[in-house]
Amino acid sequence: MEQNNRAAYPVSLLVDYPDRQLNRLTTLFRPFMLAPILVILGLLIGSADSRGPDAGEYTFYTVAGLVSLPTLLMLLFRRKYPRWWFDWNVSLLNFAARIIVYFKLMTDQYPSTDEEQSVHIRIPYPDAGRDLNRWLPLVKWLLALPHLVAAAALQAAALAGVVWAWFAIMFTGRYPRRLFEFEVGACRWTFRVIVYAFVLATDRYPPFRLSE
């Protein structure tokens, strides 16, 4: 029963393990290689924070580029989650995840703006009237506080793991498998919390675990 419950959680993040020699040169200069794609991500987030698709007509209030406050209001008053808002949120999360995985040295594929590559995120589109409580988004940020604290601690540990992985790749060309699984788990935990508290795509409380 526990396995079935785990499999049923709606938000999933998987990263393909690079079972091969990784590129030492791109690993060595990873911070510099990240700069162009981070500029693009920053422009996307900045654009979402300032204007909607019809510039000058209305403003989108977002959380790190995610369409969050408008979604909250639509759920509260109309019990609707516009599909294109959902698609934007999921696409932005996918793009950000590819950048994070590249930063964490878990792949030497340069992050694509549109291709899935080695990062696989599953977030089912919710039926707002059936699956989502209209009042819960008002307090999700508060309910998520224990998770946010845990996620911050996990990401601090994961950052130390990236340093360890850097030395491992430089000397052996390989990413330690157990460290890789921990890094994926830390990302998975954080993304589940983001989807619950800010993307508002599920009312299922995130589990306190690193695994699927």
N, C-alpha and C. Protein backbone atom coordinates (compact mmCIF):
# COMPACT_ATOMS: atom_id res chain seq x y z
N MET A 1 0.83 -1.21 0.00
CA MET A 1 0.00 0.00 0.00
C MET A 1 0.86 1.26 0.00
N GLU A 2 1.98 1.24 0.76
CA GLU A 2 2.86 2.38 0.83
C GLU A 2 3.47 2.67 -0.53
N GLN A 3 3.87 1.61 -1.25
CA GLN A 3 4.44 1.80 -2.57
C GLN A 3 3.43 2.42 -3.52
N ASN A 4 2.17 1.99 -3.44
CA ASN A 4 1.13 2.54 -4.31
C ASN A 4 0.90 4.02 -4.01
N ASN A 5 0.91 4.37 -2.70
CA ASN A 5 0.73 5.76 -2.34
C ASN A 5 1.86 6.63 -2.86
N ARG A 6 3.08 6.10 -2.80
CA ARG A 6 4.22 6.85 -3.30
C ARG A 6 4.09 7.06 -4.81
N ALA A 7 3.74 6.03 -5.52
CA ALA A 7 3.64 6.12 -6.97
C ALA A 7 2.54 7.09 -7.39
N ALA A 8 1.54 7.25 -6.51
CA ALA A 8 0.38 8.06 -6.89
C ALA A 8 0.63 9.55 -6.71
N TYR A 9 1.75 9.95 -6.06
CA TYR A 9 1.93 11.39 -5.85
C TYR A 9 2.06 12.08 -7.20
N PRO A 10 1.31 13.17 -7.41
CA PRO A 10 1.17 13.72 -8.77
C PRO A 10 2.41 14.39 -9.34
N VAL A 11 3.31 14.86 -8.50
CA VAL A 11 4.48 15.59 -9.01
C VAL A 11 5.69 14.68 -8.99
N SER A 12 6.32 14.53 -10.14
CA SER A 12 7.46 13.62 -10.26
C SER A 12 8.61 14.32 -10.97
N LEU A 13 9.83 14.10 -10.49
CA LEU A 13 11.03 14.61 -11.13
C LEU A 13 12.06 13.49 -11.19
N LEU A 14 12.53 13.19 -12.39
CA LEU A 14 13.55 12.17 -12.61
C LEU A 14 14.67 12.77 -13.45
N VAL A 15 15.89 12.33 -13.20
CA VAL A 15 17.04 12.77 -13.98
C VAL A 15 17.83 11.53 -14.39
N ASP A 16 18.13 11.42 -15.66
CA ASP A 16 18.89 10.27 -16.16
C ASP A 16 20.32 10.32 -15.62
N TYR A 17 20.77 9.20 -15.06
CA TYR A 17 22.15 9.13 -14.56
C TYR A 17 23.12 9.04 -15.72
N PRO A 18 24.16 9.87 -15.76
CA PRO A 18 25.14 9.81 -16.86
C PRO A 18 26.14 8.68 -16.65
N ASP A 19 25.78 7.50 -17.08
CA ASP A 19 26.62 6.31 -16.87
C ASP A 19 27.73 6.28 -17.92
N ARG A 20 28.58 7.28 -17.86
CA ARG A 20 29.66 7.44 -18.84
C ARG A 20 30.65 8.47 -18.31
N GLN A 21 31.73 8.66 -19.03
CA GLN A 21 32.70 9.69 -18.70
C GLN A 21 32.10 11.08 -19.00
N LEU A 22 32.17 11.97 -18.02
CA LEU A 22 31.69 13.33 -18.21
C LEU A 22 32.83 14.23 -18.70
N ASN A 23 32.47 15.31 -19.35
CA ASN A 23 33.45 16.21 -19.93
C ASN A 23 34.14 17.02 -18.84
N ARG A 24 35.42 16.79 -18.64
CA ARG A 24 36.15 17.48 -17.58
C ARG A 24 36.31 18.97 -17.88
N LEU A 25 36.47 19.32 -19.15
CA LEU A 25 36.69 20.72 -19.50
C LEU A 25 35.47 21.57 -19.20
N THR A 26 34.29 21.10 -19.62
CA THR A 26 33.08 21.88 -19.33
C THR A 26 32.75 21.87 -17.84
N THR A 27 33.15 20.80 -17.16
CA THR A 27 32.97 20.76 -15.70
C THR A 27 33.85 21.80 -15.03
N LEU A 28 35.07 21.93 -15.49
CA LEU A 28 36.01 22.88 -14.91
C LEU A 28 35.49 24.31 -15.03
N PHE A 29 34.92 24.65 -16.18
CA PHE A 29 34.48 26.02 -16.43
C PHE A 29 32.96 26.18 -16.34
N ARG A 30 32.30 25.31 -15.57
CA ARG A 30 30.84 25.32 -15.51
C ARG A 30 30.25 26.69 -15.11
N PRO A 31 30.79 27.38 -14.09
CA PRO A 31 30.18 28.68 -13.74
C PRO A 31 30.18 29.67 -14.89
N PHE A 32 31.24 29.68 -15.70
CA PHE A 32 31.30 30.61 -16.83
C PHE A 32 30.35 30.19 -17.96
N MET A 33 30.21 28.87 -18.14
CA MET A 33 29.33 28.38 -19.20
C MET A 33 27.87 28.62 -18.88
N LEU A 34 27.56 28.74 -17.60
CA LEU A 34 26.18 28.96 -17.18
C LEU A 34 25.69 30.37 -17.47
N ALA A 35 26.62 31.32 -17.57
CA ALA A 35 26.24 32.73 -17.64
C ALA A 35 25.23 33.04 -18.74
N PRO A 36 25.43 32.59 -20.01
CA PRO A 36 24.46 32.97 -21.06
C PRO A 36 23.04 32.45 -20.79
N ILE A 37 22.92 31.20 -20.35
CA ILE A 37 21.59 30.64 -20.15
C ILE A 37 20.92 31.24 -18.92
N LEU A 38 21.72 31.67 -17.93
CA LEU A 38 21.15 32.35 -16.77
C LEU A 38 20.61 33.72 -17.14
N VAL A 39 21.25 34.38 -18.08
CA VAL A 39 20.74 35.66 -18.57
C VAL A 39 19.38 35.46 -19.22
N ILE A 40 19.26 34.39 -20.03
CA ILE A 40 17.98 34.10 -20.70
C ILE A 40 16.90 33.80 -19.66
N LEU A 41 17.23 32.99 -18.67
CA LEU A 41 16.25 32.68 -17.62
C LEU A 41 15.85 33.95 -16.87
N GLY A 42 16.82 34.81 -16.58
CA GLY A 42 16.52 36.06 -15.89
C GLY A 42 15.60 36.95 -16.70
N LEU A 43 15.82 36.99 -18.02
CA LEU A 43 14.95 37.80 -18.88
C LEU A 43 13.53 37.24 -18.90
N LEU A 44 13.41 35.90 -18.93
CA LEU A 44 12.08 35.29 -18.90
C LEU A 44 11.35 35.62 -17.60
N ILE A 45 12.06 35.48 -16.49
CA ILE A 45 11.44 35.76 -15.20
C ILE A 45 11.09 37.23 -15.08
N GLY A 46 12.01 38.09 -15.55
CA GLY A 46 11.75 39.52 -15.50
C GLY A 46 10.57 39.93 -16.36
N SER A 47 10.45 39.32 -17.54
CA SER A 47 9.32 39.62 -18.42
C SER A 47 8.01 39.19 -17.78
N ALA A 48 8.01 38.00 -17.17
CA ALA A 48 6.79 37.51 -16.53
C ALA A 48 6.42 38.37 -15.34
N ASP A 49 7.43 38.89 -14.65
CA ASP A 49 7.15 39.73 -13.48
C ASP A 49 6.59 41.08 -13.86
N SER A 50 6.83 41.54 -15.09
CA SER A 50 6.44 42.90 -15.44
C SER A 50 5.20 42.98 -16.30
N ARG A 51 5.10 42.09 -17.34
CA ARG A 51 3.99 42.23 -18.27
C ARG A 51 3.40 40.88 -18.65
N GLY A 52 2.14 40.91 -18.99
CA GLY A 52 1.48 39.75 -19.56
C GLY A 52 1.77 39.70 -21.04
N PRO A 53 1.11 38.82 -21.81
CA PRO A 53 1.38 38.67 -23.22
C PRO A 53 1.02 39.89 -24.05
N ASP A 54 0.08 40.73 -23.58
CA ASP A 54 -0.28 41.96 -24.28
C ASP A 54 0.33 43.13 -23.50
N ALA A 55 1.57 43.44 -23.84
CA ALA A 55 2.32 44.43 -23.06
C ALA A 55 1.55 45.74 -22.97
N GLY A 56 1.53 46.30 -21.76
CA GLY A 56 0.87 47.57 -21.56
C GLY A 56 -0.57 47.44 -21.13
N GLU A 57 -1.18 46.27 -21.24
CA GLU A 57 -2.59 46.14 -20.91
C GLU A 57 -2.79 45.71 -19.46
N TYR A 58 -1.95 44.80 -18.97
CA TYR A 58 -2.09 44.38 -17.59
C TYR A 58 -0.77 43.81 -17.09
N THR A 59 -0.68 43.68 -15.77
CA THR A 59 0.55 43.21 -15.15
C THR A 59 0.31 41.86 -14.48
N PHE A 60 1.27 40.95 -14.65
CA PHE A 60 1.21 39.66 -13.97
C PHE A 60 2.05 39.74 -12.69
N TYR A 61 1.46 39.42 -11.57
CA TYR A 61 2.22 39.29 -10.33
C TYR A 61 2.63 37.83 -10.19
N THR A 62 3.93 37.62 -10.09
CA THR A 62 4.43 36.26 -10.14
C THR A 62 5.35 35.97 -8.95
N VAL A 63 5.68 34.70 -8.78
CA VAL A 63 6.70 34.27 -7.84
C VAL A 63 7.81 33.65 -8.68
N ALA A 64 8.94 34.36 -8.79
CA ALA A 64 10.07 33.90 -9.61
C ALA A 64 9.63 33.54 -11.02
N GLY A 65 8.73 34.34 -11.57
CA GLY A 65 8.28 34.10 -12.93
C GLY A 65 7.09 33.18 -13.05
N LEU A 66 6.73 32.47 -11.99
CA LEU A 66 5.58 31.58 -12.02
C LEU A 66 4.29 32.40 -11.86
N VAL A 67 3.29 32.07 -12.66
CA VAL A 67 2.01 32.76 -12.55
C VAL A 67 1.29 32.21 -11.32
N SER A 68 1.46 32.89 -10.20
CA SER A 68 0.98 32.37 -8.92
C SER A 68 -0.22 33.14 -8.39
N LEU A 69 -0.09 34.44 -8.19
CA LEU A 69 -1.20 35.23 -7.63
C LEU A 69 -2.43 35.23 -8.53
N PRO A 70 -2.29 35.41 -9.85
CA PRO A 70 -3.48 35.32 -10.70
C PRO A 70 -4.17 33.96 -10.61
N THR A 71 -3.36 32.89 -10.50
CA THR A 71 -3.94 31.55 -10.37
C THR A 71 -4.71 31.43 -9.07
N LEU A 72 -4.13 31.95 -7.99
CA LEU A 72 -4.82 31.93 -6.69
C LEU A 72 -6.18 32.60 -6.79
N LEU A 73 -6.21 33.77 -7.42
CA LEU A 73 -7.47 34.51 -7.52
C LEU A 73 -8.49 33.79 -8.39
N MET A 74 -8.02 33.19 -9.48
CA MET A 74 -8.93 32.44 -10.36
C MET A 74 -9.51 31.23 -9.64
N LEU A 75 -8.68 30.53 -8.87
CA LEU A 75 -9.17 29.38 -8.11
C LEU A 75 -10.17 29.83 -7.04
N LEU A 76 -9.87 30.95 -6.41
CA LEU A 76 -10.72 31.43 -5.33
C LEU A 76 -12.09 31.89 -5.82
N PHE A 77 -12.12 32.63 -6.91
CA PHE A 77 -13.37 33.24 -7.36
C PHE A 77 -14.06 32.49 -8.50
N ARG A 78 -13.29 31.78 -9.31
CA ARG A 78 -13.90 31.12 -10.47
C ARG A 78 -13.72 29.61 -10.48
N ARG A 79 -12.86 29.09 -9.59
CA ARG A 79 -12.51 27.67 -9.57
C ARG A 79 -12.04 27.22 -10.96
N LYS A 80 -11.16 28.02 -11.55
CA LYS A 80 -10.58 27.71 -12.85
C LYS A 80 -9.07 27.88 -12.78
N TYR A 81 -8.37 27.05 -13.55
CA TYR A 81 -6.92 27.18 -13.69
C TYR A 81 -6.66 27.26 -15.19
N PRO A 82 -6.52 28.46 -15.76
CA PRO A 82 -6.32 28.59 -17.21
C PRO A 82 -5.17 27.72 -17.70
N ARG A 83 -5.42 26.97 -18.75
CA ARG A 83 -4.43 26.00 -19.21
C ARG A 83 -3.12 26.67 -19.62
N TRP A 84 -3.20 27.85 -20.24
CA TRP A 84 -1.95 28.45 -20.70
C TRP A 84 -1.12 28.98 -19.54
N TRP A 85 -1.75 29.34 -18.42
CA TRP A 85 -0.98 29.69 -17.23
C TRP A 85 -0.26 28.45 -16.70
N PHE A 86 -0.98 27.33 -16.65
CA PHE A 86 -0.38 26.07 -16.20
C PHE A 86 0.78 25.68 -17.10
N ASP A 87 0.57 25.75 -18.42
CA ASP A 87 1.63 25.37 -19.36
C ASP A 87 2.86 26.26 -19.20
N TRP A 88 2.65 27.56 -18.98
CA TRP A 88 3.77 28.46 -18.75
C TRP A 88 4.54 28.04 -17.50
N ASN A 89 3.82 27.78 -16.40
CA ASN A 89 4.47 27.40 -15.15
C ASN A 89 5.28 26.11 -15.31
N VAL A 90 4.69 25.12 -15.95
CA VAL A 90 5.38 23.85 -16.13
C VAL A 90 6.60 24.01 -17.04
N SER A 91 6.46 24.78 -18.11
CA SER A 91 7.59 24.99 -19.03
C SER A 91 8.73 25.74 -18.34
N LEU A 92 8.38 26.73 -17.53
CA LEU A 92 9.42 27.48 -16.82
C LEU A 92 10.12 26.59 -15.80
N LEU A 93 9.36 25.75 -15.10
CA LEU A 93 9.97 24.82 -14.14
C LEU A 93 10.90 23.84 -14.84
N ASN A 94 10.48 23.33 -15.99
CA ASN A 94 11.33 22.41 -16.74
C ASN A 94 12.62 23.08 -17.17
N PHE A 95 12.52 24.30 -17.67
CA PHE A 95 13.70 25.03 -18.12
C PHE A 95 14.64 25.27 -16.94
N ALA A 96 14.07 25.74 -15.82
CA ALA A 96 14.89 26.00 -14.63
C ALA A 96 15.54 24.71 -14.12
N ALA A 97 14.81 23.60 -14.19
CA ALA A 97 15.36 22.32 -13.72
C ALA A 97 16.55 21.89 -14.57
N ARG A 98 16.47 22.09 -15.88
CA ARG A 98 17.60 21.73 -16.74
C ARG A 98 18.84 22.56 -16.40
N ILE A 99 18.62 23.83 -16.06
CA ILE A 99 19.75 24.69 -15.68
C ILE A 99 20.33 24.24 -14.35
N ILE A 100 19.47 23.91 -13.39
CA ILE A 100 19.93 23.46 -12.08
C ILE A 100 20.73 22.16 -12.20
N VAL A 101 20.22 21.23 -12.99
CA VAL A 101 20.92 19.95 -13.17
C VAL A 101 22.28 20.16 -13.84
N TYR A 102 22.33 21.09 -14.79
CA TYR A 102 23.62 21.40 -15.43
C TYR A 102 24.57 22.06 -14.42
N PHE A 103 24.05 22.97 -13.61
CA PHE A 103 24.87 23.60 -12.57
C PHE A 103 25.42 22.56 -11.60
N LYS A 104 24.58 21.59 -11.26
CA LYS A 104 25.00 20.56 -10.30
C LYS A 104 25.89 19.49 -10.92
N LEU A 105 26.30 19.69 -12.17
CA LEU A 105 27.25 18.81 -12.87
C LEU A 105 26.67 17.44 -13.17
N MET A 106 25.34 17.30 -13.09
CA MET A 106 24.70 16.01 -13.27
C MET A 106 24.54 15.64 -14.74
N THR A 107 24.88 16.56 -15.61
CA THR A 107 24.91 16.32 -17.05
C THR A 107 25.89 17.30 -17.66
N ASP A 108 26.46 16.96 -18.81
CA ASP A 108 27.28 17.93 -19.53
C ASP A 108 26.58 18.39 -20.81
N GLN A 109 25.28 18.08 -20.93
CA GLN A 109 24.47 18.63 -22.01
C GLN A 109 24.07 20.06 -21.65
N TYR A 110 24.36 20.99 -22.55
CA TYR A 110 24.00 22.38 -22.26
C TYR A 110 22.47 22.50 -22.21
N PRO A 111 21.92 23.23 -21.23
CA PRO A 111 20.45 23.28 -21.06
C PRO A 111 19.74 23.79 -22.31
N SER A 112 18.75 23.04 -22.74
CA SER A 112 17.93 23.45 -23.87
C SER A 112 16.78 24.32 -23.38
N THR A 113 16.34 25.24 -24.23
CA THR A 113 15.19 26.07 -23.87
C THR A 113 13.87 25.34 -24.08
N ASP A 114 13.89 24.24 -24.85
CA ASP A 114 12.61 23.58 -25.14
C ASP A 114 12.67 22.05 -25.11
N GLU A 115 13.83 21.43 -25.28
CA GLU A 115 13.90 19.97 -25.30
C GLU A 115 14.02 19.42 -23.88
N GLU A 116 13.46 18.24 -23.67
CA GLU A 116 13.43 17.64 -22.34
C GLU A 116 14.80 17.23 -21.84
N GLN A 117 15.66 16.73 -22.74
CA GLN A 117 17.00 16.26 -22.40
C GLN A 117 16.93 15.18 -21.32
N SER A 118 17.75 15.28 -20.28
CA SER A 118 17.83 14.22 -19.28
C SER A 118 16.93 14.46 -18.07
N VAL A 119 16.20 15.57 -18.07
CA VAL A 119 15.35 15.93 -16.92
C VAL A 119 13.89 15.69 -17.28
N HIS A 120 13.20 14.91 -16.45
CA HIS A 120 11.82 14.53 -16.74
C HIS A 120 10.92 14.94 -15.58
N ILE A 121 10.07 15.92 -15.81
CA ILE A 121 9.15 16.41 -14.79
C ILE A 121 7.72 16.09 -15.22
N ARG A 122 6.95 15.54 -14.29
CA ARG A 122 5.55 15.22 -14.56
C ARG A 122 4.67 15.99 -13.58
N ILE A 123 3.83 16.88 -14.12
CA ILE A 123 2.86 17.62 -13.31
C ILE A 123 1.53 17.56 -14.04
N PRO A 124 0.62 16.69 -13.66
CA PRO A 124 -0.66 16.58 -14.36
C PRO A 124 -1.48 17.87 -14.24
N TYR A 125 -2.16 18.21 -15.33
CA TYR A 125 -3.04 19.38 -15.32
C TYR A 125 -4.27 19.07 -14.46
N PRO A 126 -4.56 19.89 -13.45
CA PRO A 126 -5.66 19.57 -12.53
C PRO A 126 -7.02 20.01 -13.07
N ASP A 127 -8.04 19.29 -12.67
CA ASP A 127 -9.42 19.75 -12.85
C ASP A 127 -9.72 20.64 -11.65
N ALA A 128 -9.69 21.95 -11.85
CA ALA A 128 -9.77 22.89 -10.73
C ALA A 128 -11.06 22.72 -9.93
N GLY A 129 -12.16 22.47 -10.62
CA GLY A 129 -13.44 22.34 -9.92
C GLY A 129 -13.54 21.07 -9.10
N ARG A 130 -12.82 20.03 -9.54
CA ARG A 130 -12.94 18.73 -8.87
C ARG A 130 -11.77 18.45 -7.93
N ASP A 131 -10.56 18.81 -8.35
CA ASP A 131 -9.34 18.39 -7.65
C ASP A 131 -8.78 19.43 -6.69
N LEU A 132 -9.15 20.71 -6.84
CA LEU A 132 -8.52 21.77 -6.06
C LEU A 132 -9.53 22.48 -5.17
N ASN A 133 -9.16 22.64 -3.90
CA ASN A 133 -9.99 23.38 -2.95
C ASN A 133 -9.79 24.87 -3.19
N ARG A 134 -10.87 25.61 -3.33
CA ARG A 134 -10.75 27.02 -3.69
C ARG A 134 -10.12 27.86 -2.58
N TRP A 135 -10.22 27.41 -1.30
CA TRP A 135 -9.71 28.20 -0.19
C TRP A 135 -8.28 27.83 0.20
N LEU A 136 -7.85 26.63 -0.12
CA LEU A 136 -6.53 26.15 0.32
C LEU A 136 -5.37 27.00 -0.19
N PRO A 137 -5.40 27.54 -1.42
CA PRO A 137 -4.27 28.37 -1.87
C PRO A 137 -3.96 29.56 -0.97
N LEU A 138 -4.94 30.02 -0.19
CA LEU A 138 -4.71 31.15 0.70
C LEU A 138 -3.72 30.81 1.81
N VAL A 139 -3.62 29.53 2.18
CA VAL A 139 -2.76 29.15 3.31
C VAL A 139 -1.67 28.15 2.91
N LYS A 140 -1.57 27.82 1.64
CA LYS A 140 -0.57 26.83 1.24
C LYS A 140 0.86 27.26 1.58
N TRP A 141 1.12 28.56 1.41
CA TRP A 141 2.47 29.06 1.73
C TRP A 141 2.80 28.83 3.20
N LEU A 142 1.77 28.95 4.07
CA LEU A 142 1.97 28.74 5.49
C LEU A 142 2.14 27.25 5.80
N LEU A 143 1.29 26.43 5.19
CA LEU A 143 1.40 24.97 5.40
C LEU A 143 2.72 24.43 4.89
N ALA A 144 3.29 25.11 3.89
CA ALA A 144 4.53 24.63 3.28
C ALA A 144 5.78 25.05 4.05
N LEU A 145 5.64 25.86 5.10
CA LEU A 145 6.82 26.36 5.81
C LEU A 145 7.75 25.26 6.31
N PRO A 146 7.24 24.18 6.92
CA PRO A 146 8.17 23.11 7.33
C PRO A 146 8.96 22.54 6.15
N HIS A 147 8.29 22.41 5.01
CA HIS A 147 8.97 21.91 3.82
C HIS A 147 10.00 22.90 3.30
N LEU A 148 9.68 24.19 3.37
CA LEU A 148 10.61 25.21 2.88
C LEU A 148 11.88 25.23 3.73
N VAL A 149 11.73 25.04 5.03
CA VAL A 149 12.90 24.97 5.91
C VAL A 149 13.72 23.73 5.58
N ALA A 150 13.04 22.59 5.43
CA ALA A 150 13.74 21.35 5.10
C ALA A 150 14.43 21.45 3.74
N ALA A 151 13.75 22.05 2.77
CA ALA A 151 14.32 22.18 1.43
C ALA A 151 15.55 23.08 1.45
N ALA A 152 15.53 24.14 2.25
CA ALA A 152 16.69 25.02 2.35
C ALA A 152 17.89 24.28 2.92
N ALA A 153 17.65 23.46 3.95
CA ALA A 153 18.75 22.66 4.53
C ALA A 153 19.26 21.64 3.52
N LEU A 154 18.35 21.01 2.79
CA LEU A 154 18.75 20.04 1.79
C LEU A 154 19.59 20.68 0.69
N GLN A 155 19.19 21.87 0.24
CA GLN A 155 19.93 22.52 -0.83
C GLN A 155 21.30 22.98 -0.36
N ALA A 156 21.43 23.34 0.91
CA ALA A 156 22.75 23.67 1.45
C ALA A 156 23.65 22.45 1.42
N ALA A 157 23.11 21.30 1.83
CA ALA A 157 23.88 20.06 1.77
C ALA A 157 24.18 19.68 0.32
N ALA A 158 23.20 19.91 -0.56
CA ALA A 158 23.39 19.57 -1.97
C ALA A 158 24.49 20.43 -2.60
N LEU A 159 24.60 21.69 -2.18
CA LEU A 159 25.66 22.56 -2.70
C LEU A 159 27.04 22.02 -2.32
N ALA A 160 27.16 21.54 -1.09
CA ALA A 160 28.42 20.90 -0.68
C ALA A 160 28.67 19.65 -1.52
N GLY A 161 27.58 18.92 -1.86
CA GLY A 161 27.72 17.74 -2.71
C GLY A 161 28.22 18.08 -4.10
N VAL A 162 27.84 19.25 -4.61
CA VAL A 162 28.31 19.66 -5.94
C VAL A 162 29.83 19.84 -5.93
N VAL A 163 30.36 20.40 -4.85
CA VAL A 163 31.81 20.56 -4.73
C VAL A 163 32.49 19.20 -4.73
N TRP A 164 31.92 18.27 -3.99
CA TRP A 164 32.45 16.90 -3.96
C TRP A 164 32.39 16.28 -5.35
N ALA A 165 31.27 16.45 -6.02
CA ALA A 165 31.10 15.89 -7.36
C ALA A 165 32.10 16.50 -8.33
N TRP A 166 32.39 17.80 -8.19
CA TRP A 166 33.35 18.46 -9.07
C TRP A 166 34.71 17.78 -8.99
N PHE A 167 35.17 17.54 -7.77
CA PHE A 167 36.47 16.86 -7.61
C PHE A 167 36.41 15.44 -8.15
N ALA A 168 35.29 14.75 -7.90
CA ALA A 168 35.16 13.38 -8.40
C ALA A 168 35.23 13.33 -9.92
N ILE A 169 34.55 14.26 -10.58
CA ILE A 169 34.55 14.27 -12.04
C ILE A 169 35.94 14.65 -12.58
N MET A 170 36.57 15.63 -11.94
CA MET A 170 37.88 16.05 -12.42
C MET A 170 38.92 14.93 -12.30
N PHE A 171 38.80 14.09 -11.29
CA PHE A 171 39.79 13.03 -11.09
C PHE A 171 39.39 11.70 -11.75
N THR A 172 38.09 11.42 -11.81
CA THR A 172 37.66 10.11 -12.33
C THR A 172 36.80 10.21 -13.58
N GLY A 173 36.25 11.38 -13.84
CA GLY A 173 35.35 11.54 -14.98
C GLY A 173 33.94 11.05 -14.72
N ARG A 174 33.67 10.59 -13.50
CA ARG A 174 32.35 10.01 -13.19
C ARG A 174 31.70 10.76 -12.04
N TYR A 175 30.36 10.74 -12.05
CA TYR A 175 29.57 11.33 -10.96
C TYR A 175 29.21 10.20 -9.99
N PRO A 176 29.62 10.29 -8.73
CA PRO A 176 29.29 9.21 -7.76
C PRO A 176 27.78 8.93 -7.74
N ARG A 177 27.42 7.67 -7.88
CA ARG A 177 26.01 7.31 -8.07
C ARG A 177 25.15 7.70 -6.86
N ARG A 178 25.61 7.42 -5.67
CA ARG A 178 24.79 7.74 -4.49
C ARG A 178 24.65 9.25 -4.29
N LEU A 179 25.71 9.97 -4.57
CA LEU A 179 25.63 11.42 -4.49
C LEU A 179 24.66 11.95 -5.53
N PHE A 180 24.68 11.37 -6.73
CA PHE A 180 23.74 11.77 -7.78
C PHE A 180 22.30 11.57 -7.32
N GLU A 181 22.02 10.43 -6.71
CA GLU A 181 20.66 10.15 -6.24
C GLU A 181 20.23 11.13 -5.15
N PHE A 182 21.18 11.52 -4.28
CA PHE A 182 20.85 12.51 -3.26
C PHE A 182 20.53 13.86 -3.91
N GLU A 183 21.32 14.25 -4.90
CA GLU A 183 21.10 15.54 -5.56
C GLU A 183 19.73 15.56 -6.26
N VAL A 184 19.38 14.46 -6.91
CA VAL A 184 18.07 14.37 -7.56
C VAL A 184 16.97 14.46 -6.51
N GLY A 185 17.14 13.75 -5.40
CA GLY A 185 16.14 13.78 -4.34
C GLY A 185 15.94 15.16 -3.76
N ALA A 186 17.03 15.92 -3.58
CA ALA A 186 16.93 17.28 -3.05
C ALA A 186 16.16 18.17 -4.03
N CYS A 187 16.45 18.01 -5.32
CA CYS A 187 15.70 18.77 -6.34
C CYS A 187 14.23 18.36 -6.35
N ARG A 188 13.97 17.08 -6.26
CA ARG A 188 12.59 16.57 -6.28
C ARG A 188 11.79 17.14 -5.12
N TRP A 189 12.38 17.11 -3.93
CA TRP A 189 11.71 17.65 -2.74
C TRP A 189 11.34 19.12 -2.96
N THR A 190 12.31 19.91 -3.42
CA THR A 190 12.09 21.34 -3.62
C THR A 190 11.02 21.61 -4.67
N PHE A 191 11.06 20.88 -5.77
CA PHE A 191 10.09 21.11 -6.84
C PHE A 191 8.68 20.73 -6.41
N ARG A 192 8.55 19.67 -5.62
CA ARG A 192 7.22 19.31 -5.12
C ARG A 192 6.63 20.44 -4.27
N VAL A 193 7.47 21.05 -3.44
CA VAL A 193 7.00 22.15 -2.60
C VAL A 193 6.60 23.34 -3.46
N ILE A 194 7.39 23.65 -4.48
CA ILE A 194 7.08 24.77 -5.36
C ILE A 194 5.74 24.53 -6.07
N VAL A 195 5.54 23.32 -6.56
CA VAL A 195 4.29 23.01 -7.27
C VAL A 195 3.10 23.10 -6.32
N TYR A 196 3.28 22.63 -5.10
CA TYR A 196 2.19 22.67 -4.12
C TYR A 196 1.86 24.10 -3.70
N ALA A 197 2.89 24.89 -3.33
CA ALA A 197 2.65 26.18 -2.69
C ALA A 197 2.52 27.34 -3.66
N PHE A 198 3.14 27.25 -4.85
CA PHE A 198 3.19 28.41 -5.73
C PHE A 198 2.59 28.15 -7.11
N VAL A 199 2.82 26.96 -7.66
CA VAL A 199 2.16 26.61 -8.92
C VAL A 199 0.70 26.26 -8.66
N LEU A 200 0.40 25.74 -7.46
CA LEU A 200 -0.98 25.47 -7.01
C LEU A 200 -1.67 24.41 -7.87
N ALA A 201 -0.88 23.46 -8.39
CA ALA A 201 -1.43 22.46 -9.29
C ALA A 201 -1.92 21.20 -8.58
N THR A 202 -1.68 21.12 -7.28
CA THR A 202 -2.17 19.96 -6.53
C THR A 202 -2.44 20.38 -5.09
N ASP A 203 -3.41 19.72 -4.46
CA ASP A 203 -3.69 19.92 -3.03
C ASP A 203 -3.07 18.82 -2.17
N ARG A 204 -2.45 17.84 -2.83
CA ARG A 204 -1.79 16.77 -2.08
C ARG A 204 -0.55 17.33 -1.39
N TYR A 205 -0.50 17.18 -0.07
CA TYR A 205 0.65 17.72 0.68
C TYR A 205 1.90 16.95 0.31
N PRO A 206 3.02 17.64 0.04
CA PRO A 206 4.24 16.94 -0.39
C PRO A 206 4.74 15.97 0.67
N PRO A 207 5.22 14.81 0.27
CA PRO A 207 5.75 13.85 1.24
C PRO A 207 7.13 14.28 1.74
N PHE A 208 7.44 13.89 2.96
CA PHE A 208 8.75 14.18 3.53
C PHE A 208 9.73 13.06 3.16
N ARG A 209 10.14 13.04 1.91
CA ARG A 209 11.08 12.02 1.46
C ARG A 209 11.78 12.51 0.19
N LEU A 210 12.95 11.95 -0.06
CA LEU A 210 13.73 12.28 -1.24
C LEU A 210 13.34 11.43 -2.45
N SER A 211 12.82 10.25 -2.20
CA SER A 211 12.55 9.31 -3.28
C SER A 211 11.22 9.61 -3.96
N GLU A 212 10.96 8.90 -5.07
CA GLU A 212 9.70 9.02 -5.79
C GLU A 212 8.56 8.54 -4.92
